[in-house]
Amino acid sequence: MQKLNLGCAYNKEPGYINVDLDSSCNPDLCFDLRDAPWPIESGSIEEVLAMHILEHIEGTNGYLTFWKELYRVCTNGAIIKIEVPHWKHDTFFHDPTHVRAVTPIGLRMFD
């Protein structure tokens, strides 16, 4: 089984497949998380890191595609670790690259 570090940028994690859209940060895999299918085998991922990426995924279709692909590639019982800025905090509001608020209730809709 494998582990994914999605939207890694320059924060590569050892033991993970580091994924980013920007090839200049030299990820293990370079692709857009809003596009399907991801170049990852179905049911092959046991753990996912998604650190400060969900608030940057543009478009409703792209966001929903992200979740569909995440479910496709993960094993049953996979661990998904998500970190986002609090949707009421200045760090969320003042960053022009933040395109969506991510809330606990919103995340539960994908559980």
C-alpha atoms as a PDB file:
ATOM      1  CA  MET A   1       0.000   0.000   0.000  1.00  0.00           C
ATOM      2  CA  GLN A   2       1.071   3.554  -0.665  1.00  0.00           C
ATOM      3  CA  LYS A   3       0.698   6.984   0.887  1.00  0.00           C
ATOM      4  CA  LEU A   4      -0.023  10.316  -0.861  1.00  0.00           C
ATOM      5  CA  ASN A   5       1.054  13.835   0.016  1.00  0.00           C
ATOM      6  CA  LEU A   6      -1.279  15.969  -2.102  1.00  0.00           C
ATOM      7  CA  GLY A   7      -0.278  19.508  -3.058  1.00  0.00           C
ATOM      8  CA  CYS A   8       3.167  18.963  -1.570  1.00  0.00           C
ATOM      9  CA  ALA A   9       4.944  21.975  -3.113  1.00  0.00           C
ATOM     10  CA  TYR A  10       8.420  21.907  -1.532  1.00  0.00           C
ATOM     11  CA  ASN A  11       7.193  20.041   1.586  1.00  0.00           C
ATOM     12  CA  LYS A  12       7.981  16.518   0.467  1.00  0.00           C
ATOM     13  CA  GLU A  13       7.330  13.728   2.941  1.00  0.00           C
ATOM     14  CA  PRO A  14       9.548  10.643   2.967  1.00  0.00           C
ATOM     15  CA  GLY A  15       7.602   7.429   2.385  1.00  0.00           C
ATOM     16  CA  TYR A  16       4.850   9.276   0.499  1.00  0.00           C
ATOM     17  CA  ILE A  17       4.148   9.817  -3.177  1.00  0.00           C
ATOM     18  CA  ASN A  18       4.464  13.599  -3.314  1.00  0.00           C
ATOM     19  CA  VAL A  19       1.993  15.175  -5.742  1.00  0.00           C
ATOM     20  CA  ASP A  20       1.768  18.731  -7.027  1.00  0.00           C
ATOM     21  CA  LEU A  21       0.522  20.643 -10.054  1.00  0.00           C
ATOM     22  CA  ASP A  22       3.723  22.703 -10.243  1.00  0.00           C
ATOM     23  CA  SER A  23       6.554  20.709 -11.825  1.00  0.00           C
ATOM     24  CA  SER A  24       9.159  23.220 -10.596  1.00  0.00           C
ATOM     25  CA  CYS A  25       8.935  21.766  -7.066  1.00  0.00           C
ATOM     26  CA  ASN A  26       9.937  18.356  -8.456  1.00  0.00           C
ATOM     27  CA  PRO A  27       7.036  16.234  -7.172  1.00  0.00           C
ATOM     28  CA  ASP A  28       6.982  12.468  -7.662  1.00  0.00           C
ATOM     29  CA  LEU A  29       3.773  12.925  -9.676  1.00  0.00           C
ATOM     30  CA  CYS A  30       2.692  16.123 -11.396  1.00  0.00           C
ATOM     31  CA  PHE A  31      -1.006  16.479 -12.208  1.00  0.00           C
ATOM     32  CA  ASP A  32      -4.075  18.623 -11.558  1.00  0.00           C
ATOM     33  CA  LEU A  33      -6.152  17.287  -8.647  1.00  0.00           C
ATOM     34  CA  ARG A  34      -9.276  18.704 -10.347  1.00  0.00           C
ATOM     35  CA  ASP A  35      -8.919  16.366 -13.324  1.00  0.00           C
ATOM     36  CA  ALA A  36      -9.881  12.702 -13.494  1.00  0.00           C
ATOM     37  CA  PRO A  37      -8.615  10.125 -13.572  1.00  0.00           C
ATOM     38  CA  TRP A  38      -5.579  10.601 -11.375  1.00  0.00           C
ATOM     39  CA  PRO A  39      -2.621   8.467 -12.497  1.00  0.00           C
ATOM     40  CA  ILE A  40      -2.988   6.279  -9.408  1.00  0.00           C
ATOM     41  CA  GLU A  41      -4.410   2.764  -9.186  1.00  0.00           C
ATOM     42  CA  SER A  42      -7.829   2.351  -7.596  1.00  0.00           C
ATOM     43  CA  GLY A  43      -7.769   1.161  -3.993  1.00  0.00           C
ATOM     44  CA  SER A  44      -4.004   1.498  -3.645  1.00  0.00           C
ATOM     45  CA  ILE A  45      -3.646   4.319  -1.095  1.00  0.00           C
ATOM     46  CA  GLU A  46      -3.733   3.741   2.650  1.00  0.00           C
ATOM     47  CA  GLU A  47      -2.964   7.267   3.856  1.00  0.00           C
ATOM     48  CA  VAL A  48      -3.354  10.775   2.443  1.00  0.00           C
ATOM     49  CA  LEU A  49      -1.998  14.134   3.556  1.00  0.00           C
ATOM     50  CA  ALA A  50      -3.962  17.140   2.273  1.00  0.00           C
ATOM     51  CA  MET A  51      -2.324  20.067   4.026  1.00  0.00           C
ATOM     52  CA  HIS A  52      -3.656  23.482   3.027  1.00  0.00           C
ATOM     53  CA  ILE A  53      -4.873  22.484  -0.420  1.00  0.00           C
ATOM     54  CA  LEU A  54      -8.660  22.176  -0.215  1.00  0.00           C
ATOM     55  CA  GLU A  55      -9.159  25.924   0.166  1.00  0.00           C
ATOM     56  CA  HIS A  56      -7.282  26.421  -3.132  1.00  0.00           C
ATOM     57  CA  ILE A  57      -9.246  23.998  -5.359  1.00  0.00           C
ATOM     58  CA  GLU A  58     -11.192  26.136  -7.813  1.00  0.00           C
ATOM     59  CA  GLY A  59     -14.578  25.340  -9.269  1.00  0.00           C
ATOM     60  CA  THR A  60     -17.354  23.137  -7.948  1.00  0.00           C
ATOM     61  CA  ASN A  61     -16.730  20.460 -10.584  1.00  0.00           C
ATOM     62  CA  GLY A  62     -13.008  20.402  -9.789  1.00  0.00           C
ATOM     63  CA  TYR A  63     -13.707  20.150  -6.058  1.00  0.00           C
ATOM     64  CA  LEU A  64     -16.176  17.300  -6.537  1.00  0.00           C
ATOM     65  CA  THR A  65     -13.766  15.537  -8.897  1.00  0.00           C
ATOM     66  CA  PHE A  66     -11.091  15.787  -6.189  1.00  0.00           C
ATOM     67  CA  TRP A  67     -13.351  13.947  -3.710  1.00  0.00           C
ATOM     68  CA  LYS A  68     -14.441  11.304  -6.223  1.00  0.00           C
ATOM     69  CA  GLU A  69     -10.856  10.536  -7.144  1.00  0.00           C
ATOM     70  CA  LEU A  70      -9.765  10.517  -3.502  1.00  0.00           C
ATOM     71  CA  TYR A  71     -12.405   7.880  -2.736  1.00  0.00           C
ATOM     72  CA  ARG A  72     -11.425   5.900  -5.833  1.00  0.00           C
ATOM     73  CA  VAL A  73      -7.725   5.661  -5.022  1.00  0.00           C
ATOM     74  CA  CYS A  74      -8.079   5.027  -1.269  1.00  0.00           C
ATOM     75  CA  THR A  75      -8.439   1.631   0.363  1.00  0.00           C
ATOM     76  CA  ASN A  76     -11.378   0.933   2.625  1.00  0.00           C
ATOM     77  CA  GLY A  77     -10.427   2.472   5.984  1.00  0.00           C
ATOM     78  CA  ALA A  78      -7.711   4.739   4.581  1.00  0.00           C
ATOM     79  CA  ILE A  79      -6.529   7.574   6.816  1.00  0.00           C
ATOM     80  CA  ILE A  80      -7.052  11.034   5.328  1.00  0.00           C
ATOM     81  CA  LYS A  81      -5.371  13.891   7.182  1.00  0.00           C
ATOM     82  CA  ILE A  82      -6.717  17.312   6.257  1.00  0.00           C
ATOM     83  CA  GLU A  83      -5.527  20.703   7.453  1.00  0.00           C
ATOM     84  CA  VAL A  84      -7.101  24.001   6.363  1.00  0.00           C
ATOM     85  CA  PRO A  85      -7.260  27.508   7.813  1.00  0.00           C
ATOM     86  CA  HIS A  86     -10.290  28.218   9.963  1.00  0.00           C
ATOM     87  CA  TRP A  87     -12.943  29.711   7.716  1.00  0.00           C
ATOM     88  CA  LYS A  88     -13.526  32.636  10.091  1.00  0.00           C
ATOM     89  CA  HIS A  89      -9.861  33.508  10.604  1.00  0.00           C
ATOM     90  CA  ASP A  90      -7.946  36.369   8.981  1.00  0.00           C
ATOM     91  CA  THR A  91      -5.521  33.877   7.413  1.00  0.00           C
ATOM     92  CA  PHE A  92      -8.409  32.562   5.370  1.00  0.00           C
ATOM     93  CA  PHE A  93      -9.941  35.902   4.381  1.00  0.00           C
ATOM     94  CA  HIS A  94      -6.769  37.774   3.467  1.00  0.00           C
ATOM     95  CA  ASP A  95      -5.138  35.182   1.200  1.00  0.00           C
ATOM     96  CA  PRO A  96      -6.265  35.904  -2.385  1.00  0.00           C
ATOM     97  CA  THR A  97      -5.527  32.297  -3.410  1.00  0.00           C
ATOM     98  CA  HIS A  98      -8.207  30.929  -1.062  1.00  0.00           C
ATOM     99  CA  VAL A  99     -11.247  30.209  -3.198  1.00  0.00           C
ATOM    100  CA  ARG A 100     -13.487  28.269  -0.798  1.00  0.00           C
ATOM    101  CA  ALA A 101     -14.187  27.920   2.884  1.00  0.00           C
ATOM    102  CA  VAL A 102     -13.734  24.384   4.174  1.00  0.00           C
ATOM    103  CA  THR A 103     -15.780  23.628   7.268  1.00  0.00           C
ATOM    104  CA  PRO A 104     -16.298  20.532   9.422  1.00  0.00           C
ATOM    105  CA  ILE A 105     -19.931  20.299   8.300  1.00  0.00           C
ATOM    106  CA  GLY A 106     -18.885  20.646   4.656  1.00  0.00           C
ATOM    107  CA  LEU A 107     -16.318  17.864   5.070  1.00  0.00           C
ATOM    108  CA  ARG A 108     -18.890  15.578   6.729  1.00  0.00           C
ATOM    109  CA  MET A 109     -20.876  15.712   3.506  1.00  0.00           C
ATOM    110  CA  PHE A 110     -18.142  13.569   1.933  1.00  0.00           C
ATOM    111  CA  ASP A 111     -17.985  11.035   4.788  1.00  0.00           C
END
